């Protein structure tokens, strides 16, 4: 992976497209090489042409190797290209929904498509022929939950410190724990479907005094 991790950022998963993407070009090269050896009388010419034709599947392999998705505790990184390079990042808190689907063959061989919907202008991005799509989806979902919990804890800490400065008689640790407990209760209700995202935001802002 070429993208450098930020301070306190942890790499959770690196995943690529399924190897089945390379099957067709390799098979086509084997077929072409066999036909050349069979029909061309000069074996040296056949081998030279076969070696030149091998450059194409080799190029596809290099590109496949450098086409990856990385999930960290802060973002999803999409990298591709070796000769030309492309990179895109999606912060976890900007991802609205993650879905995956697999055909029958996909379930047998372990590949599928992953659909990531974000709040950015791009909106929706579909990644095809992903190896272990459920693992990618579950890793992103779990990372989002942990990211929200970390944000809640940080907000509780900041508010507790502010209250402690304005009211020296109140323990900052006790205040922080109380706010954190309430925020976690709200977050659990949101995860269980007890409240909507809008209701959660309203209650959280009231608790934080915003």
N, C-alpha and C. Protein backbone atom coordinates (compact mmCIF):
# COMPACT_ATOMS: atom_id res chain seq x y z
N UNK A 1 0.84 -1.19 0.00
CA UNK A 1 0.00 0.00 0.00
C UNK A 1 0.88 1.25 0.00
N UNK A 2 0.59 2.19 -0.90
CA UNK A 2 1.43 3.38 -1.03
C UNK A 2 1.01 4.50 -0.07
N UNK A 3 -0.26 4.55 0.28
CA UNK A 3 -0.76 5.61 1.15
C UNK A 3 -0.18 5.49 2.55
N UNK A 4 0.35 6.58 3.06
CA UNK A 4 0.92 6.56 4.40
C UNK A 4 -0.19 6.72 5.45
N UNK A 5 -0.08 5.98 6.52
CA UNK A 5 -1.06 6.06 7.59
C UNK A 5 -0.82 7.31 8.43
N UNK A 6 -1.90 7.86 8.94
CA UNK A 6 -1.81 9.03 9.80
C UNK A 6 -1.40 8.61 11.21
N UNK A 7 -1.13 9.61 12.03
CA UNK A 7 -0.78 9.33 13.41
C UNK A 7 -1.95 8.65 14.12
N UNK A 8 -1.67 7.58 14.83
CA UNK A 8 -2.66 6.78 15.56
C UNK A 8 -3.66 6.06 14.64
N UNK A 9 -3.36 6.00 13.35
CA UNK A 9 -4.21 5.25 12.42
C UNK A 9 -3.72 3.81 12.34
N UNK A 10 -4.65 2.86 12.37
CA UNK A 10 -4.31 1.44 12.34
C UNK A 10 -4.90 0.77 11.11
N UNK A 11 -4.10 -0.05 10.45
CA UNK A 11 -4.56 -0.79 9.28
C UNK A 11 -5.33 -2.03 9.74
N UNK A 12 -6.57 -2.19 9.27
CA UNK A 12 -7.41 -3.30 9.67
C UNK A 12 -7.50 -4.40 8.61
N UNK A 13 -7.48 -4.00 7.33
CA UNK A 13 -7.67 -4.99 6.26
C UNK A 13 -7.16 -4.45 4.94
N UNK A 14 -6.51 -5.33 4.16
CA UNK A 14 -6.17 -5.04 2.76
C UNK A 14 -6.78 -6.14 1.91
N UNK A 15 -7.53 -5.76 0.89
CA UNK A 15 -8.21 -6.76 0.07
C UNK A 15 -8.14 -6.35 -1.39
N UNK A 16 -8.18 -7.33 -2.29
CA UNK A 16 -8.06 -7.07 -3.73
C UNK A 16 -9.22 -7.72 -4.48
N UNK A 17 -9.22 -7.52 -5.79
CA UNK A 17 -10.16 -8.25 -6.62
C UNK A 17 -9.80 -9.73 -6.62
N UNK A 18 -10.77 -10.57 -6.92
CA UNK A 18 -10.55 -12.01 -6.92
C UNK A 18 -9.61 -12.41 -8.06
N UNK A 19 -8.84 -13.48 -7.82
CA UNK A 19 -7.89 -13.96 -8.84
C UNK A 19 -8.58 -14.42 -10.11
N UNK A 20 -9.89 -14.65 -10.04
CA UNK A 20 -10.62 -15.11 -11.23
C UNK A 20 -10.56 -14.08 -12.36
N UNK A 21 -10.29 -12.83 -12.00
CA UNK A 21 -10.16 -11.78 -13.01
C UNK A 21 -9.02 -12.07 -13.98
N UNK A 22 -8.02 -12.85 -13.53
CA UNK A 22 -6.84 -13.14 -14.35
C UNK A 22 -6.98 -14.43 -15.16
N UNK A 23 -8.03 -15.19 -14.90
CA UNK A 23 -8.16 -16.51 -15.54
C UNK A 23 -8.31 -16.38 -17.06
N UNK A 24 -9.19 -15.50 -17.52
CA UNK A 24 -9.45 -15.38 -18.96
C UNK A 24 -8.22 -14.95 -19.75
N UNK A 25 -7.49 -13.88 -19.36
CA UNK A 25 -6.29 -13.50 -20.13
C UNK A 25 -5.21 -14.58 -20.12
N UNK A 26 -5.03 -15.28 -19.00
CA UNK A 26 -4.03 -16.35 -18.95
C UNK A 26 -4.44 -17.51 -19.86
N UNK A 27 -5.73 -17.86 -19.82
CA UNK A 27 -6.22 -18.93 -20.69
C UNK A 27 -6.05 -18.54 -22.16
N UNK A 28 -6.35 -17.28 -22.50
CA UNK A 28 -6.21 -16.82 -23.88
C UNK A 28 -4.76 -16.90 -24.33
N UNK A 29 -3.83 -16.56 -23.44
CA UNK A 29 -2.41 -16.65 -23.79
C UNK A 29 -1.99 -18.10 -24.00
N UNK A 30 -2.42 -19.00 -23.14
CA UNK A 30 -2.08 -20.42 -23.29
C UNK A 30 -2.61 -20.97 -24.60
N UNK A 31 -3.84 -20.58 -24.94
CA UNK A 31 -4.44 -21.04 -26.20
C UNK A 31 -3.66 -20.51 -27.40
N UNK A 32 -3.30 -19.21 -27.35
CA UNK A 32 -2.56 -18.62 -28.46
C UNK A 32 -1.18 -19.27 -28.61
N UNK A 33 -0.51 -19.50 -27.48
CA UNK A 33 0.81 -20.12 -27.53
C UNK A 33 0.74 -21.54 -28.08
N UNK A 34 -0.31 -22.28 -27.69
CA UNK A 34 -0.48 -23.65 -28.19
C UNK A 34 -0.72 -23.66 -29.69
N UNK A 35 -1.55 -22.74 -30.18
CA UNK A 35 -1.85 -22.68 -31.62
C UNK A 35 -0.60 -22.29 -32.42
N UNK A 36 0.20 -21.39 -31.86
CA UNK A 36 1.42 -20.98 -32.54
C UNK A 36 2.39 -22.16 -32.68
N UNK A 37 2.58 -22.88 -31.61
CA UNK A 37 3.48 -24.03 -31.65
C UNK A 37 2.95 -25.11 -32.59
N UNK A 38 1.62 -25.22 -32.66
CA UNK A 38 1.01 -26.27 -33.46
C UNK A 38 1.08 -25.95 -34.96
N UNK A 39 0.82 -24.66 -35.31
CA UNK A 39 0.69 -24.31 -36.73
C UNK A 39 1.94 -23.67 -37.34
N UNK A 40 2.78 -23.07 -36.50
CA UNK A 40 3.99 -22.44 -37.05
C UNK A 40 5.13 -23.46 -37.02
N UNK A 41 5.75 -23.64 -38.17
CA UNK A 41 6.76 -24.68 -38.28
C UNK A 41 8.04 -24.34 -37.51
N UNK A 42 8.36 -23.06 -37.41
CA UNK A 42 9.59 -22.63 -36.75
C UNK A 42 9.32 -22.47 -35.25
N UNK A 43 9.91 -23.34 -34.44
CA UNK A 43 9.66 -23.31 -33.00
C UNK A 43 10.21 -22.06 -32.34
N UNK A 44 11.33 -21.53 -32.87
CA UNK A 44 11.92 -20.32 -32.28
C UNK A 44 11.00 -19.11 -32.46
N UNK A 45 10.43 -19.00 -33.64
CA UNK A 45 9.49 -17.89 -33.90
C UNK A 45 8.27 -18.02 -33.00
N UNK A 46 7.78 -19.25 -32.84
CA UNK A 46 6.62 -19.49 -31.98
C UNK A 46 6.90 -19.07 -30.54
N UNK A 47 8.09 -19.40 -30.05
CA UNK A 47 8.45 -19.05 -28.68
C UNK A 47 8.61 -17.54 -28.51
N UNK A 48 9.19 -16.88 -29.51
CA UNK A 48 9.37 -15.43 -29.43
C UNK A 48 8.02 -14.72 -29.39
N UNK A 49 7.12 -15.12 -30.28
CA UNK A 49 5.78 -14.49 -30.32
C UNK A 49 5.03 -14.78 -29.02
N UNK A 50 5.15 -16.00 -28.52
CA UNK A 50 4.48 -16.35 -27.25
C UNK A 50 5.01 -15.51 -26.10
N UNK A 51 6.33 -15.27 -26.10
CA UNK A 51 6.93 -14.45 -25.04
C UNK A 51 6.43 -13.01 -25.11
N UNK A 52 6.28 -12.50 -26.34
CA UNK A 52 5.76 -11.13 -26.51
C UNK A 52 4.30 -11.06 -26.04
N UNK A 53 3.51 -12.06 -26.42
CA UNK A 53 2.10 -12.09 -26.01
C UNK A 53 1.95 -12.23 -24.49
N UNK A 54 2.94 -12.83 -23.84
CA UNK A 54 2.89 -13.01 -22.38
C UNK A 54 2.94 -11.67 -21.65
N UNK A 55 3.43 -10.64 -22.32
CA UNK A 55 3.53 -9.33 -21.68
C UNK A 55 2.17 -8.80 -21.25
N UNK A 56 1.12 -9.12 -22.02
CA UNK A 56 -0.21 -8.60 -21.70
C UNK A 56 -0.75 -9.19 -20.39
N UNK A 57 -0.82 -10.54 -20.22
CA UNK A 57 -1.27 -11.05 -18.92
C UNK A 57 -0.35 -10.65 -17.77
N UNK A 58 0.95 -10.48 -18.06
CA UNK A 58 1.88 -10.03 -17.02
C UNK A 58 1.54 -8.61 -16.59
N UNK A 59 1.20 -7.76 -17.56
CA UNK A 59 0.78 -6.39 -17.26
C UNK A 59 -0.49 -6.39 -16.41
N UNK A 60 -1.47 -7.24 -16.76
CA UNK A 60 -2.71 -7.33 -16.00
C UNK A 60 -2.46 -7.81 -14.57
N UNK A 61 -1.51 -8.73 -14.41
CA UNK A 61 -1.18 -9.23 -13.07
C UNK A 61 -0.60 -8.11 -12.21
N UNK A 62 0.30 -7.31 -12.79
CA UNK A 62 0.91 -6.21 -12.04
C UNK A 62 -0.16 -5.19 -11.63
N UNK A 63 -1.06 -4.88 -12.56
CA UNK A 63 -2.14 -3.95 -12.24
C UNK A 63 -3.06 -4.52 -11.17
N UNK A 64 -3.37 -5.83 -11.28
CA UNK A 64 -4.22 -6.49 -10.27
C UNK A 64 -3.57 -6.44 -8.90
N UNK A 65 -2.28 -6.64 -8.86
CA UNK A 65 -1.55 -6.65 -7.58
C UNK A 65 -1.61 -5.30 -6.89
N UNK A 66 -1.65 -4.22 -7.68
CA UNK A 66 -1.64 -2.88 -7.11
C UNK A 66 -3.03 -2.25 -7.05
N UNK A 67 -4.07 -3.04 -7.35
CA UNK A 67 -5.44 -2.57 -7.22
C UNK A 67 -6.00 -3.13 -5.92
N UNK A 68 -6.10 -2.28 -4.89
CA UNK A 68 -6.47 -2.79 -3.56
C UNK A 68 -7.36 -1.80 -2.82
N UNK A 69 -8.00 -2.35 -1.79
CA UNK A 69 -8.81 -1.55 -0.87
C UNK A 69 -8.29 -1.81 0.53
N UNK A 70 -8.03 -0.74 1.25
CA UNK A 70 -7.52 -0.85 2.62
C UNK A 70 -8.51 -0.19 3.57
N UNK A 71 -8.79 -0.88 4.66
CA UNK A 71 -9.69 -0.34 5.68
C UNK A 71 -8.86 -0.06 6.93
N UNK A 72 -8.94 1.17 7.43
CA UNK A 72 -8.28 1.52 8.67
C UNK A 72 -9.34 1.93 9.70
N UNK A 73 -8.89 2.32 10.86
CA UNK A 73 -9.84 2.76 11.88
C UNK A 73 -10.35 4.18 11.62
N UNK A 74 -9.89 4.81 10.51
CA UNK A 74 -10.34 6.16 10.18
C UNK A 74 -10.98 6.28 8.80
N UNK A 75 -10.59 5.42 7.85
CA UNK A 75 -11.03 5.62 6.47
C UNK A 75 -10.93 4.34 5.65
N UNK A 76 -11.53 4.40 4.45
CA UNK A 76 -11.39 3.34 3.45
C UNK A 76 -10.58 3.92 2.30
N UNK A 77 -9.48 3.26 1.96
CA UNK A 77 -8.56 3.75 0.92
C UNK A 77 -8.69 2.85 -0.32
N UNK A 78 -8.90 3.48 -1.45
CA UNK A 78 -9.00 2.78 -2.73
C UNK A 78 -7.80 3.17 -3.58
N UNK A 79 -6.92 2.21 -3.85
CA UNK A 79 -5.72 2.44 -4.65
C UNK A 79 -5.72 1.53 -5.87
N UNK A 80 -5.24 2.04 -7.00
CA UNK A 80 -5.10 1.20 -8.18
C UNK A 80 -4.01 1.78 -9.08
N UNK A 81 -3.52 0.91 -9.96
CA UNK A 81 -2.54 1.34 -10.94
C UNK A 81 -1.10 1.18 -10.48
N UNK A 82 -0.24 0.78 -11.41
CA UNK A 82 1.20 0.71 -11.17
C UNK A 82 1.92 1.69 -12.08
N UNK A 83 1.62 1.62 -13.37
CA UNK A 83 2.21 2.54 -14.34
C UNK A 83 1.53 3.91 -14.25
N UNK A 84 0.21 3.91 -14.08
CA UNK A 84 -0.53 5.11 -13.73
C UNK A 84 -1.15 4.87 -12.36
N UNK A 85 -1.37 5.92 -11.60
CA UNK A 85 -1.82 5.73 -10.22
C UNK A 85 -3.13 6.47 -9.96
N UNK A 86 -3.96 5.84 -9.13
CA UNK A 86 -5.24 6.41 -8.72
C UNK A 86 -5.44 6.12 -7.24
N UNK A 87 -5.95 7.09 -6.50
CA UNK A 87 -6.19 6.90 -5.08
C UNK A 87 -7.39 7.72 -4.64
N UNK A 88 -8.24 7.11 -3.83
CA UNK A 88 -9.42 7.80 -3.29
C UNK A 88 -9.62 7.36 -1.85
N UNK A 89 -10.05 8.29 -1.01
CA UNK A 89 -10.28 7.99 0.40
C UNK A 89 -11.72 8.33 0.78
N UNK A 90 -12.30 7.49 1.63
CA UNK A 90 -13.65 7.74 2.16
C UNK A 90 -13.57 7.67 3.68
N UNK A 91 -13.69 8.80 4.38
CA UNK A 91 -13.70 8.75 5.84
C UNK A 91 -14.86 7.90 6.35
N UNK A 92 -14.63 7.17 7.41
CA UNK A 92 -15.66 6.26 7.93
C UNK A 92 -16.93 6.99 8.31
N UNK A 93 -16.80 8.22 8.85
CA UNK A 93 -17.98 8.94 9.28
C UNK A 93 -18.78 9.53 8.12
N UNK A 94 -18.24 9.44 6.89
CA UNK A 94 -18.95 9.92 5.71
C UNK A 94 -19.63 8.77 4.94
N UNK A 95 -19.39 7.54 5.36
CA UNK A 95 -20.00 6.38 4.71
C UNK A 95 -21.38 6.13 5.31
N UNK A 96 -22.41 6.19 4.49
CA UNK A 96 -23.78 6.01 4.96
C UNK A 96 -24.23 4.56 4.97
N UNK A 97 -23.77 3.79 3.99
CA UNK A 97 -24.25 2.41 3.88
C UNK A 97 -23.25 1.57 3.11
N UNK A 98 -23.14 0.30 3.50
CA UNK A 98 -22.27 -0.65 2.80
C UNK A 98 -23.07 -1.92 2.52
N UNK A 99 -23.10 -2.35 1.27
CA UNK A 99 -23.83 -3.57 0.90
C UNK A 99 -22.93 -4.45 0.04
N UNK A 100 -23.22 -5.73 0.01
CA UNK A 100 -22.50 -6.64 -0.90
C UNK A 100 -23.48 -7.65 -1.47
N UNK A 101 -23.17 -8.15 -2.65
CA UNK A 101 -24.00 -9.20 -3.25
C UNK A 101 -23.10 -10.22 -3.95
N UNK A 102 -23.55 -11.46 -3.95
CA UNK A 102 -22.81 -12.56 -4.58
C UNK A 102 -23.75 -13.41 -5.41
N UNK A 103 -23.30 -13.75 -6.59
CA UNK A 103 -24.05 -14.71 -7.41
C UNK A 103 -23.74 -16.12 -6.89
N UNK A 104 -24.36 -17.12 -7.52
CA UNK A 104 -24.08 -18.50 -7.13
C UNK A 104 -22.60 -18.83 -7.32
N UNK A 105 -22.05 -18.44 -8.48
CA UNK A 105 -20.63 -18.69 -8.74
C UNK A 105 -19.76 -17.89 -7.78
N UNK A 106 -20.23 -16.69 -7.42
CA UNK A 106 -19.49 -15.88 -6.48
C UNK A 106 -19.40 -16.53 -5.11
N UNK A 107 -20.49 -17.17 -4.67
CA UNK A 107 -20.47 -17.85 -3.38
C UNK A 107 -19.57 -19.08 -3.41
N UNK A 108 -19.53 -19.75 -4.57
CA UNK A 108 -18.69 -20.94 -4.70
C UNK A 108 -17.20 -20.58 -4.68
N UNK A 109 -16.85 -19.53 -5.44
CA UNK A 109 -15.42 -19.18 -5.58
C UNK A 109 -14.99 -18.05 -4.65
N UNK A 110 -15.93 -17.43 -3.96
CA UNK A 110 -15.56 -16.43 -2.97
C UNK A 110 -15.35 -15.02 -3.50
N UNK A 111 -16.16 -14.58 -4.47
CA UNK A 111 -16.07 -13.21 -4.95
C UNK A 111 -17.46 -12.59 -5.03
N UNK A 112 -17.51 -11.27 -5.11
CA UNK A 112 -18.79 -10.57 -5.19
C UNK A 112 -18.57 -9.08 -5.39
N UNK A 113 -19.65 -8.33 -5.35
CA UNK A 113 -19.60 -6.88 -5.53
C UNK A 113 -19.90 -6.18 -4.21
N UNK A 114 -19.23 -5.07 -3.97
CA UNK A 114 -19.44 -4.29 -2.76
C UNK A 114 -19.89 -2.88 -3.16
N UNK A 115 -20.98 -2.42 -2.58
CA UNK A 115 -21.56 -1.12 -2.87
C UNK A 115 -21.38 -0.22 -1.65
N UNK A 116 -20.63 0.87 -1.81
CA UNK A 116 -20.39 1.82 -0.72
C UNK A 116 -21.06 3.14 -1.06
N UNK A 117 -21.96 3.58 -0.19
CA UNK A 117 -22.66 4.85 -0.38
C UNK A 117 -22.14 5.86 0.63
N UNK A 118 -21.70 7.01 0.12
CA UNK A 118 -21.13 8.04 0.98
C UNK A 118 -21.91 9.34 0.86
N UNK A 119 -21.59 10.27 1.76
CA UNK A 119 -22.24 11.57 1.74
C UNK A 119 -21.53 12.53 0.79
N UNK A 120 -20.48 12.07 0.14
CA UNK A 120 -19.73 12.92 -0.78
C UNK A 120 -20.48 13.08 -2.10
N UNK A 121 -19.93 13.90 -2.98
CA UNK A 121 -20.57 14.17 -4.27
C UNK A 121 -20.65 12.92 -5.13
N UNK A 122 -19.67 12.01 -4.98
CA UNK A 122 -19.67 10.78 -5.77
C UNK A 122 -20.87 9.91 -5.43
N UNK A 123 -21.34 10.01 -4.17
CA UNK A 123 -22.55 9.29 -3.77
C UNK A 123 -22.35 7.81 -3.60
N UNK A 124 -22.41 7.07 -4.70
CA UNK A 124 -22.36 5.61 -4.65
C UNK A 124 -21.22 5.08 -5.51
N UNK A 125 -20.49 4.11 -4.97
CA UNK A 125 -19.41 3.47 -5.70
C UNK A 125 -19.56 1.97 -5.58
N UNK A 126 -19.50 1.27 -6.71
CA UNK A 126 -19.62 -0.18 -6.72
C UNK A 126 -18.28 -0.78 -7.13
N UNK A 127 -17.77 -1.68 -6.30
CA UNK A 127 -16.52 -2.38 -6.58
C UNK A 127 -16.86 -3.81 -6.97
N UNK A 128 -16.41 -4.23 -8.15
CA UNK A 128 -16.77 -5.53 -8.70
C UNK A 128 -15.69 -6.58 -8.49
N UNK A 129 -16.13 -7.84 -8.42
CA UNK A 129 -15.24 -9.00 -8.32
C UNK A 129 -14.30 -8.90 -7.10
N UNK A 130 -14.83 -8.45 -5.98
CA UNK A 130 -14.02 -8.32 -4.77
C UNK A 130 -13.85 -9.68 -4.11
N UNK A 131 -12.62 -9.99 -3.70
CA UNK A 131 -12.36 -11.22 -2.95
C UNK A 131 -12.90 -11.06 -1.53
N UNK A 132 -13.70 -12.04 -1.08
CA UNK A 132 -14.31 -12.00 0.25
C UNK A 132 -15.07 -10.70 0.50
N UNK A 133 -16.13 -10.43 -0.26
CA UNK A 133 -16.87 -9.17 -0.11
C UNK A 133 -17.51 -9.01 1.26
N UNK A 134 -17.97 -10.10 1.87
CA UNK A 134 -18.59 -10.00 3.19
C UNK A 134 -17.56 -9.53 4.23
N UNK A 135 -16.33 -10.02 4.11
CA UNK A 135 -15.29 -9.61 5.03
C UNK A 135 -15.03 -8.11 4.92
N UNK A 136 -15.00 -7.59 3.69
CA UNK A 136 -14.79 -6.16 3.48
C UNK A 136 -15.94 -5.36 4.08
N UNK A 137 -17.17 -5.81 3.83
CA UNK A 137 -18.35 -5.11 4.36
C UNK A 137 -18.35 -5.13 5.88
N UNK A 138 -18.12 -6.28 6.48
CA UNK A 138 -18.14 -6.41 7.94
C UNK A 138 -17.03 -5.60 8.60
N UNK A 139 -15.85 -5.56 7.96
CA UNK A 139 -14.73 -4.80 8.51
C UNK A 139 -15.04 -3.31 8.53
N UNK A 140 -15.64 -2.81 7.44
CA UNK A 140 -16.00 -1.39 7.38
C UNK A 140 -17.06 -1.07 8.43
N UNK A 141 -18.08 -1.91 8.55
CA UNK A 141 -19.16 -1.69 9.52
C UNK A 141 -18.63 -1.67 10.95
N UNK A 142 -17.77 -2.65 11.26
CA UNK A 142 -17.20 -2.72 12.61
C UNK A 142 -16.31 -1.50 12.88
N UNK A 143 -15.54 -1.09 11.89
CA UNK A 143 -14.66 0.07 12.07
C UNK A 143 -15.49 1.34 12.29
N UNK A 144 -16.64 1.44 11.60
CA UNK A 144 -17.51 2.59 11.81
C UNK A 144 -18.02 2.65 13.24
N UNK A 145 -18.44 1.50 13.78
CA UNK A 145 -18.95 1.45 15.15
C UNK A 145 -17.87 1.87 16.15
N UNK A 146 -16.67 1.36 15.95
CA UNK A 146 -15.57 1.71 16.86
C UNK A 146 -15.20 3.18 16.73
N UNK A 147 -15.28 3.70 15.50
CA UNK A 147 -14.98 5.11 15.27
C UNK A 147 -15.98 6.01 15.99
N UNK A 148 -17.27 5.64 15.94
CA UNK A 148 -18.30 6.42 16.63
C UNK A 148 -18.11 6.38 18.14
N UNK A 149 -17.75 5.21 18.65
CA UNK A 149 -17.51 5.09 20.09
C UNK A 149 -16.34 5.97 20.52
N UNK A 150 -15.30 6.00 19.68
CA UNK A 150 -14.14 6.84 19.99
C UNK A 150 -14.51 8.31 19.98
N UNK A 151 -15.33 8.71 18.99
CA UNK A 151 -15.77 10.10 18.91
C UNK A 151 -16.60 10.47 20.13
N UNK A 152 -17.49 9.57 20.57
CA UNK A 152 -18.31 9.81 21.74
C UNK A 152 -17.44 10.00 22.98
N UNK A 153 -16.46 9.13 23.15
CA UNK A 153 -15.56 9.22 24.31
C UNK A 153 -14.78 10.53 24.29
N UNK A 154 -14.32 10.94 23.10
CA UNK A 154 -13.57 12.20 23.00
C UNK A 154 -14.45 13.40 23.33
N UNK A 155 -15.70 13.37 22.83
CA UNK A 155 -16.62 14.45 23.14
C UNK A 155 -16.91 14.53 24.64
N UNK A 156 -17.10 13.36 25.25
CA UNK A 156 -17.36 13.32 26.70
C UNK A 156 -16.17 13.87 27.47
N UNK A 157 -14.97 13.53 27.04
CA UNK A 157 -13.76 14.01 27.72
C UNK A 157 -13.64 15.53 27.63
N UNK A 158 -13.87 16.06 26.43
CA UNK A 158 -13.76 17.51 26.23
C UNK A 158 -14.80 18.26 27.05
N UNK A 159 -16.04 17.75 27.07
CA UNK A 159 -17.08 18.42 27.83
C UNK A 159 -16.81 18.34 29.33
N UNK A 160 -16.33 17.18 29.79
CA UNK A 160 -16.03 17.01 31.21
C UNK A 160 -14.92 17.97 31.65
N UNK A 161 -13.93 18.15 30.80
CA UNK A 161 -12.84 19.08 31.13
C UNK A 161 -13.35 20.51 31.20
N UNK A 162 -14.27 20.85 30.30
CA UNK A 162 -14.84 22.20 30.30
C UNK A 162 -15.67 22.44 31.56
N UNK A 163 -16.46 21.42 31.97
CA UNK A 163 -17.28 21.54 33.18
C UNK A 163 -16.39 21.64 34.41
N UNK A 164 -15.32 20.85 34.43
CA UNK A 164 -14.41 20.86 35.58
C UNK A 164 -13.74 22.22 35.75
N UNK A 165 -13.44 22.90 34.64
CA UNK A 165 -12.81 24.22 34.72
C UNK A 165 -13.78 25.26 35.26
N UNK A 166 -15.05 25.14 34.83
CA UNK A 166 -16.05 26.11 35.28
C UNK A 166 -16.56 25.80 36.68
N UNK A 167 -16.50 24.52 37.08
CA UNK A 167 -16.97 24.10 38.41
C UNK A 167 -15.89 23.25 39.06
N UNK A 168 -14.93 23.87 39.73
CA UNK A 168 -13.79 23.13 40.30
C UNK A 168 -14.18 22.08 41.32
N UNK A 169 -15.35 22.24 41.97
CA UNK A 169 -15.76 21.30 43.01
C UNK A 169 -16.24 19.96 42.42
N UNK A 170 -16.55 19.95 41.12
CA UNK A 170 -17.03 18.73 40.47
C UNK A 170 -15.85 17.96 39.90
N UNK A 171 -15.80 16.69 40.19
CA UNK A 171 -14.72 15.85 39.68
C UNK A 171 -14.82 15.69 38.17
N UNK A 172 -13.72 15.98 37.48
CA UNK A 172 -13.71 15.85 36.01
C UNK A 172 -13.90 14.40 35.60
N UNK A 173 -13.28 13.48 36.35
CA UNK A 173 -13.38 12.06 36.03
C UNK A 173 -14.82 11.57 36.15
N UNK A 174 -15.50 11.97 37.23
CA UNK A 174 -16.89 11.55 37.45
C UNK A 174 -17.80 12.13 36.39
N UNK A 175 -17.57 13.41 36.05
CA UNK A 175 -18.39 14.05 35.01
C UNK A 175 -18.19 13.38 33.67
N UNK A 176 -16.94 13.11 33.34
CA UNK A 176 -16.63 12.45 32.08
C UNK A 176 -17.30 11.09 31.98
N UNK A 177 -17.24 10.33 33.07
CA UNK A 177 -17.83 8.99 33.07
C UNK A 177 -19.34 9.06 32.91
N UNK A 178 -19.97 10.04 33.58
CA UNK A 178 -21.42 10.19 33.50
C UNK A 178 -21.85 10.53 32.07
N UNK A 179 -21.17 11.47 31.45
CA UNK A 179 -21.51 11.88 30.09
C UNK A 179 -21.25 10.73 29.11
N UNK A 180 -20.12 10.06 29.30
CA UNK A 180 -19.79 8.94 28.42
C UNK A 180 -20.83 7.84 28.51
N UNK A 181 -21.29 7.54 29.73
CA UNK A 181 -22.32 6.50 29.91
C UNK A 181 -23.60 6.86 29.18
N UNK A 182 -24.01 8.13 29.29
CA UNK A 182 -25.24 8.56 28.62
C UNK A 182 -25.10 8.52 27.10
N UNK A 183 -23.94 8.92 26.62
CA UNK A 183 -23.70 8.90 25.18
C UNK A 183 -23.69 7.47 24.65
N UNK A 184 -23.11 6.56 25.41
CA UNK A 184 -23.08 5.15 24.99
C UNK A 184 -24.49 4.55 24.99
N UNK A 185 -25.32 4.97 25.95
CA UNK A 185 -26.70 4.49 25.97
C UNK A 185 -27.45 4.95 24.72
N UNK A 186 -27.26 6.22 24.36
CA UNK A 186 -27.89 6.73 23.15
C UNK A 186 -27.40 5.99 21.91
N UNK A 187 -26.09 5.74 21.87
CA UNK A 187 -25.52 5.04 20.71
C UNK A 187 -26.05 3.62 20.60
N UNK A 188 -26.20 2.94 21.73
CA UNK A 188 -26.75 1.58 21.73
C UNK A 188 -28.20 1.58 21.24
N UNK A 189 -28.97 2.60 21.65
CA UNK A 189 -30.35 2.71 21.18
C UNK A 189 -30.40 2.91 19.67
N UNK A 190 -29.46 3.72 19.17
CA UNK A 190 -29.40 3.95 17.72
C UNK A 190 -29.07 2.67 16.98
N UNK A 191 -28.10 1.91 17.49
CA UNK A 191 -27.70 0.66 16.84
C UNK A 191 -28.83 -0.37 16.85
N UNK A 192 -29.63 -0.37 17.91
CA UNK A 192 -30.73 -1.34 18.03
C UNK A 192 -32.00 -0.87 17.33
N UNK A 193 -31.99 0.34 16.78
CA UNK A 193 -33.16 0.85 16.08
C UNK A 193 -34.19 1.49 16.98
N UNK A 194 -33.82 1.74 18.25
CA UNK A 194 -34.75 2.35 19.19
C UNK A 194 -35.01 3.82 18.90
N UNK A 195 -34.03 4.49 18.30
CA UNK A 195 -34.18 5.89 17.91
C UNK A 195 -33.58 6.07 16.52
N UNK A 196 -34.00 7.12 15.84
CA UNK A 196 -33.48 7.41 14.50
C UNK A 196 -32.18 8.19 14.62
N UNK A 197 -31.47 8.32 13.49
CA UNK A 197 -30.23 9.09 13.47
C UNK A 197 -30.51 10.54 13.85
N UNK A 198 -31.63 11.09 13.37
CA UNK A 198 -31.98 12.48 13.69
C UNK A 198 -32.25 12.65 15.18
N UNK A 199 -32.99 11.70 15.77
CA UNK A 199 -33.26 11.77 17.20
C UNK A 199 -31.96 11.63 18.00
N UNK A 200 -31.09 10.76 17.54
CA UNK A 200 -29.80 10.58 18.22
C UNK A 200 -29.00 11.87 18.22
N UNK A 201 -28.94 12.54 17.05
CA UNK A 201 -28.17 13.78 16.96
C UNK A 201 -28.74 14.86 17.88
N UNK A 202 -30.08 14.95 17.94
CA UNK A 202 -30.72 15.96 18.80
C UNK A 202 -30.40 15.71 20.27
N UNK A 203 -30.57 14.46 20.71
CA UNK A 203 -30.32 14.11 22.10
C UNK A 203 -28.85 14.26 22.47
N UNK A 204 -27.99 13.89 21.53
CA UNK A 204 -26.54 14.02 21.78
C UNK A 204 -26.15 15.50 21.95
N UNK A 205 -26.70 16.35 21.09
CA UNK A 205 -26.38 17.78 21.18
C UNK A 205 -26.89 18.39 22.48
N UNK A 206 -28.07 17.95 22.93
CA UNK A 206 -28.59 18.43 24.22
C UNK A 206 -27.68 18.01 25.36
N UNK A 207 -27.22 16.76 25.29
CA UNK A 207 -26.36 16.24 26.34
C UNK A 207 -25.02 16.97 26.38
N UNK A 208 -24.53 17.31 25.20
CA UNK A 208 -23.25 17.99 25.10
C UNK A 208 -23.37 19.51 25.26
N UNK A 209 -24.62 19.96 25.38
CA UNK A 209 -24.84 21.38 25.62
C UNK A 209 -24.72 22.24 24.39
N UNK A 210 -24.89 21.61 23.18
CA UNK A 210 -24.77 22.37 21.92
C UNK A 210 -26.12 22.99 21.54
